[in-house]
Amino acid sequence: MLLEQRLAGIAAATPWFMDCLRSAASLGLASWCIGAGAVRNLVWDHLHGYAAPSQLADIDLAYFDADDLDGEREAGLQRRLSQLMPSQRWEVSNQARVHLWFEQHFGHAVGALASLDDAVASWPEYATSVGVFLDASSAVKVIAPHGLDDLFAMVIRRNPARVSLETYRQRIEQKQYEKRWPRASVIL
């Protein structure tokens, strides 16, 4: 609970991240979060004392809506966020539809997910299996099914739920974690 409070405090004290959360909340989704790399960068930049946020490929907005498996809604939500915050690159994904495209993209089939929490629990590394959202009273809330120890210890460890060792190694090479955050450590 202390690490959740710490993460919520870092998020609340970071204007660009709060702007992202408010924009995402304005979409009116029932079950959503900003997660993965955006949260990792937020925390690791803070822990490294970086004055400016490090480069993000995109801001991942994950939501869960099993009643709407049409990808067109994702695209529409992404366009709305791009209009609200044109300085950010967004990637919007309905986690209820991941099983429909995962095999084509990653080479192996996965089962359907039951909730947003289940989705976050399946993300590639434990340190990035974290989501942050605003509740109905605009309080910062955290989804961290594997806890926050790896995130705050700056440890990258593979989450085997959906990511093969080969994909994990490719991610490590691509992301260059230890170059970007010298205090981070990778477990292969």
Protein backbone atom coordinates (compact mmCIF):
# COMPACT_ATOMS: atom_id res chain seq x y z
CA MET A 1 0.00 0.00 0.00
CA LEU A 2 2.86 2.41 0.70
CA LEU A 3 4.25 1.98 -2.81
CA GLU A 4 0.77 2.55 -4.28
CA GLN A 5 0.54 5.80 -2.32
CA ARG A 6 4.01 6.74 -3.48
CA LEU A 7 3.10 6.10 -7.12
CA ALA A 8 -0.15 8.05 -6.75
CA GLY A 9 1.85 10.93 -5.24
CA ILE A 10 4.38 10.95 -8.08
CA ALA A 11 1.54 10.92 -10.62
CA ALA A 12 -0.37 13.70 -8.87
CA ALA A 13 2.77 15.87 -8.73
CA THR A 14 3.54 15.47 -12.44
CA PRO A 15 1.57 17.96 -14.56
CA TRP A 16 1.98 16.22 -17.96
CA PHE A 17 0.87 12.89 -16.51
CA MET A 18 -2.15 14.42 -14.74
CA ASP A 19 -3.13 16.11 -18.01
CA CYS A 20 -3.04 12.67 -19.66
CA LEU A 21 -5.14 11.14 -16.88
CA ARG A 22 -7.72 13.94 -17.09
CA SER A 23 -7.94 13.61 -20.87
CA ALA A 24 -8.40 9.85 -20.58
CA ALA A 25 -11.02 10.27 -17.85
CA SER A 26 -12.98 12.66 -20.09
CA LEU A 27 -13.69 9.74 -22.46
CA GLY A 28 -16.13 8.33 -19.89
CA LEU A 29 -14.88 4.74 -20.07
CA ALA A 30 -16.05 2.44 -17.28
CA SER A 31 -12.79 0.52 -16.86
CA TRP A 32 -9.53 2.14 -18.01
CA CYS A 33 -5.98 3.07 -17.10
CA ILE A 34 -2.84 4.62 -18.47
CA GLY A 35 -0.16 2.03 -18.09
CA ALA A 36 2.97 0.22 -19.13
CA GLY A 37 5.80 2.46 -20.39
CA ALA A 38 4.16 5.74 -19.42
CA VAL A 39 4.04 4.65 -15.77
CA ARG A 40 7.51 3.09 -15.87
CA ASN A 41 9.00 6.27 -17.37
CA LEU A 42 7.15 8.44 -14.87
CA VAL A 43 8.58 6.54 -11.90
CA TRP A 44 12.07 5.86 -13.24
CA ASP A 45 12.51 9.46 -14.38
CA HIS A 46 11.47 10.56 -10.89
CA LEU A 47 13.84 8.09 -9.19
CA HIS A 48 16.70 9.23 -11.43
CA GLY A 49 15.95 12.90 -10.73
CA TYR A 50 15.42 13.74 -14.41
CA ALA A 51 14.02 17.25 -14.75
CA ALA A 52 12.39 16.56 -18.12
CA PRO A 53 10.42 13.42 -18.94
CA SER A 54 12.27 10.85 -21.02
CA GLN A 55 11.06 10.03 -24.51
CA LEU A 56 7.94 7.88 -24.73
CA ALA A 57 7.02 5.97 -27.88
CA ASP A 58 3.38 6.48 -26.92
CA ILE A 59 0.99 6.69 -24.02
CA ASP A 60 -0.91 3.46 -23.60
CA LEU A 61 -4.55 3.87 -22.68
CA ALA A 62 -5.97 0.45 -21.92
CA TYR A 63 -9.64 -0.13 -21.32
CA PHE A 64 -11.91 -3.13 -21.03
CA ASP A 65 -15.24 -3.39 -22.82
CA ALA A 66 -16.28 -6.96 -23.68
CA ASP A 67 -19.52 -5.66 -25.22
CA ASP A 68 -17.75 -3.75 -28.00
CA LEU A 69 -15.10 -5.80 -29.79
CA ASP A 70 -15.05 -3.62 -32.89
CA GLY A 71 -11.67 -1.97 -33.35
CA GLU A 72 -13.32 1.15 -34.72
CA ARG A 73 -14.10 2.41 -31.21
CA GLU A 74 -10.41 2.19 -30.28
CA ALA A 75 -9.52 4.29 -33.31
CA GLY A 76 -12.19 6.86 -32.44
CA LEU A 77 -11.00 7.14 -28.85
CA GLN A 78 -7.42 7.51 -30.04
CA ARG A 79 -8.46 10.34 -32.37
CA ARG A 80 -10.28 12.10 -29.51
CA LEU A 81 -7.23 11.86 -27.25
CA SER A 82 -5.00 13.16 -30.05
CA GLN A 83 -7.32 16.14 -30.39
CA LEU A 84 -7.35 16.76 -26.63
CA MET A 85 -3.57 16.42 -26.32
CA PRO A 86 -1.96 16.78 -29.75
CA SER A 87 1.52 16.92 -28.20
CA GLN A 88 1.23 13.26 -27.12
CA ARG A 89 1.16 10.09 -29.20
CA TRP A 90 -1.56 7.78 -27.91
CA GLU A 91 -2.17 4.07 -28.32
CA VAL A 92 -5.64 3.00 -27.25
CA SER A 93 -6.41 -0.67 -26.77
CA ASN A 94 -9.55 -2.48 -25.67
CA GLN A 95 -8.01 -5.32 -23.68
CA ALA A 96 -11.17 -7.40 -24.26
CA ARG A 97 -10.11 -7.75 -27.93
CA VAL A 98 -6.41 -8.59 -27.50
CA HIS A 99 -7.00 -12.30 -28.13
CA LEU A 100 -8.41 -11.42 -31.57
CA TRP A 101 -5.12 -9.96 -32.91
CA PHE A 102 -2.36 -11.19 -30.58
CA GLU A 103 -1.39 -14.31 -32.55
CA GLN A 104 -1.04 -12.43 -35.82
CA HIS A 105 1.16 -9.82 -34.15
CA PHE A 106 3.22 -11.97 -31.74
CA GLY A 107 3.08 -15.45 -33.26
CA HIS A 108 1.16 -17.35 -30.60
CA ALA A 109 -2.47 -17.48 -29.56
CA VAL A 110 -3.72 -16.28 -26.17
CA GLY A 111 -7.03 -16.66 -24.42
CA ALA A 112 -9.56 -13.92 -23.87
CA LEU A 113 -9.14 -11.77 -20.78
CA ALA A 114 -11.84 -11.35 -18.15
CA SER A 115 -11.10 -7.82 -16.91
CA LEU A 116 -8.75 -4.86 -17.04
CA ASP A 117 -6.92 -6.21 -13.98
CA ASP A 118 -6.36 -9.53 -15.82
CA ALA A 119 -5.01 -7.59 -18.79
CA VAL A 120 -2.57 -5.52 -16.74
CA ALA A 121 -1.41 -8.74 -15.05
CA SER A 122 -0.42 -10.12 -18.48
CA TRP A 123 1.75 -7.22 -19.68
CA PRO A 124 5.37 -8.02 -20.69
CA GLU A 125 7.37 -7.17 -17.56
CA TYR A 126 6.33 -6.99 -13.93
CA ALA A 127 7.63 -3.42 -13.69
CA THR A 128 5.31 -2.38 -16.52
CA SER A 129 2.31 -4.45 -15.38
CA VAL A 130 0.97 -1.32 -13.74
CA GLY A 131 -1.88 1.02 -14.57
CA VAL A 132 -2.99 4.36 -13.15
CA PHE A 133 -6.42 5.93 -13.45
CA LEU A 134 -8.66 8.57 -11.91
CA ASP A 135 -11.69 7.38 -9.97
CA ALA A 136 -15.08 9.16 -9.99
CA SER A 137 -13.78 11.73 -7.47
CA SER A 138 -10.62 12.36 -9.58
CA ALA A 139 -8.38 10.59 -7.06
CA VAL A 140 -5.36 8.79 -8.52
CA LYS A 141 -5.75 5.01 -8.26
CA VAL A 142 -3.35 2.19 -9.10
CA ILE A 143 -3.75 -1.25 -10.67
CA ALA A 144 -0.73 -3.40 -9.81
CA PRO A 145 -1.59 -7.11 -9.82
CA HIS A 146 2.05 -8.11 -9.29
CA GLY A 147 2.79 -5.32 -6.86
CA LEU A 148 5.14 -2.40 -7.33
CA ASP A 149 8.42 -3.79 -5.99
CA ASP A 150 10.02 -4.27 -9.42
CA LEU A 151 8.87 -0.85 -10.60
CA PHE A 152 10.39 0.98 -7.63
CA ALA A 153 13.49 -1.24 -7.54
CA MET A 154 13.94 -0.48 -11.26
CA VAL A 155 14.11 -4.17 -12.13
CA ILE A 156 13.02 -5.47 -15.53
CA ARG A 157 11.88 -9.07 -15.20
CA ARG A 158 9.86 -11.03 -17.77
CA ASN A 159 6.23 -11.72 -17.02
CA PRO A 160 5.72 -15.16 -18.61
CA ALA A 161 1.92 -14.78 -18.75
CA ARG A 162 1.96 -13.81 -22.45
CA VAL A 163 5.50 -12.94 -23.43
CA SER A 164 7.92 -15.51 -24.78
CA LEU A 165 11.58 -15.38 -23.82
CA GLU A 166 12.41 -14.46 -27.43
CA THR A 167 9.97 -11.52 -27.43
CA TYR A 168 11.27 -10.42 -24.03
CA ARG A 169 14.86 -10.41 -25.28
CA GLN A 170 13.83 -8.37 -28.32
CA ARG A 171 12.13 -5.86 -26.03
CA ILE A 172 15.24 -5.58 -23.86
CA GLU A 173 17.37 -4.87 -26.92
CA GLN A 174 14.89 -2.38 -28.34
CA LYS A 175 14.11 -0.47 -25.13
CA GLN A 176 17.72 -0.03 -23.94
CA TYR A 177 16.56 0.28 -20.32
CA GLU A 178 20.01 0.42 -18.71
CA LYS A 179 21.22 3.13 -21.09
CA ARG A 180 18.17 5.29 -20.46
CA TRP A 181 18.07 4.66 -16.71
CA PRO A 182 21.56 3.67 -15.44
CA ARG A 183 20.23 2.43 -12.09
CA ALA A 184 17.87 -0.04 -13.77
CA SER A 185 18.74 -3.73 -13.95
CA VAL A 186 17.57 -6.38 -16.36
CA ILE A 187 17.01 -9.99 -15.40
CA LEU A 188 17.31 -12.34 -18.39
